[in-house]
């Protein structure tokens, strides 16, 4: 389900800010990860995403990470891991 973006200009500014945070904080990866996660969460919430939708986004991020770590042919790993992910969030 696609969600309309409330303000494209604000979204663009948020994305640019997110990129700057990543660039500036590259020397401190832990800090960068924390800042990027908080900023991304804030962008999603400001654009009307519910907590369940944000969890869905997180699942897709994890799926991409798992595919990169495991290599080709691992498209269904997230489907196998979803019960564990959902249980961890509850």
Protein backbone atom coordinates (compact mmCIF):
# COMPACT_ATOMS: atom_id res chain seq x y z
CA UNK A 1 0.00 0.00 0.00
CA UNK A 2 1.52 3.31 -1.06
CA UNK A 3 1.23 6.21 1.28
CA UNK A 4 1.02 9.78 -0.04
CA UNK A 5 3.91 11.96 1.03
CA UNK A 6 2.61 14.96 2.94
CA UNK A 7 5.29 17.46 1.95
CA UNK A 8 7.83 16.53 -0.73
CA UNK A 9 10.03 19.56 0.03
CA UNK A 10 10.25 18.62 3.70
CA UNK A 11 10.96 15.02 2.76
CA UNK A 12 13.77 16.12 0.43
CA UNK A 13 15.27 18.29 3.19
CA UNK A 14 15.04 15.38 5.62
CA UNK A 15 16.80 13.06 3.18
CA UNK A 16 19.55 15.63 2.60
CA UNK A 17 19.95 15.98 6.37
CA UNK A 18 20.15 12.20 6.69
CA UNK A 19 22.88 12.09 4.04
CA UNK A 20 24.85 14.81 5.84
CA UNK A 21 24.60 12.93 9.14
CA UNK A 22 26.04 9.84 7.48
CA UNK A 23 28.89 11.81 5.90
CA UNK A 24 29.75 13.81 9.02
CA UNK A 25 29.53 10.88 11.41
CA UNK A 26 31.46 8.41 9.24
CA UNK A 27 34.34 8.55 11.71
CA UNK A 28 32.09 7.43 14.59
CA UNK A 29 30.04 4.54 13.22
CA UNK A 30 28.07 3.91 16.42
CA UNK A 31 27.02 7.54 16.62
CA UNK A 32 26.22 7.60 12.91
CA UNK A 33 24.03 4.51 13.22
CA UNK A 34 22.12 6.02 16.14
CA UNK A 35 21.63 9.37 14.37
CA UNK A 36 20.56 7.79 11.09
CA UNK A 37 18.07 5.49 12.83
CA UNK A 38 16.55 8.33 14.86
CA UNK A 39 16.36 10.63 11.84
CA UNK A 40 14.85 7.95 9.61
CA UNK A 41 12.26 7.08 12.28
CA UNK A 42 11.38 10.75 12.67
CA UNK A 43 10.95 11.15 8.88
CA UNK A 44 8.65 8.13 8.74
CA UNK A 45 6.54 9.33 11.68
CA UNK A 46 6.28 12.86 10.27
CA UNK A 47 4.94 11.34 7.06
CA UNK A 48 2.20 9.45 8.85
CA UNK A 49 3.70 5.97 9.10
CA UNK A 50 2.23 3.87 11.89
CA UNK A 51 4.36 1.77 14.23
CA UNK A 52 3.35 -1.38 12.33
CA UNK A 53 4.36 0.18 9.03
CA UNK A 54 7.72 1.19 10.51
CA UNK A 55 8.23 -2.38 11.70
CA UNK A 56 7.50 -3.50 8.13
CA UNK A 57 10.16 -1.07 6.85
CA UNK A 58 12.62 -2.47 9.42
CA UNK A 59 11.85 -6.01 8.23
CA UNK A 60 12.68 -4.99 4.66
CA UNK A 61 15.93 -3.36 5.81
CA UNK A 62 16.88 -6.53 7.64
CA UNK A 63 15.92 -8.60 4.59
CA UNK A 64 18.30 -6.54 2.45
CA UNK A 65 21.07 -6.96 5.01
CA UNK A 66 20.51 -10.71 5.23
CA UNK A 67 20.56 -11.05 1.42
CA UNK A 68 23.82 -9.08 1.25
CA UNK A 69 25.39 -11.21 3.98
CA UNK A 70 24.23 -14.55 2.60
CA UNK A 71 24.58 -13.85 -1.10
CA UNK A 72 22.26 -14.73 -3.99
CA UNK A 73 19.28 -17.02 -3.54
CA UNK A 74 18.24 -15.89 -0.05
CA UNK A 75 15.08 -13.92 -0.87
CA UNK A 76 12.87 -15.82 1.57
CA UNK A 77 15.06 -15.49 4.67
CA UNK A 78 12.99 -12.60 6.01
CA UNK A 79 9.79 -14.63 5.62
CA UNK A 80 11.42 -17.38 7.69
CA UNK A 81 12.68 -14.85 10.26
CA UNK A 82 9.47 -12.77 10.51
CA UNK A 83 8.02 -14.62 13.54
CA UNK A 84 11.26 -13.99 15.46
CA UNK A 85 11.37 -10.34 14.39
CA UNK A 86 7.76 -9.76 15.34
CA UNK A 87 8.20 -11.55 18.67
CA UNK A 88 11.24 -9.39 19.48
CA UNK A 89 9.25 -6.21 18.85
CA UNK A 90 6.33 -7.19 21.11
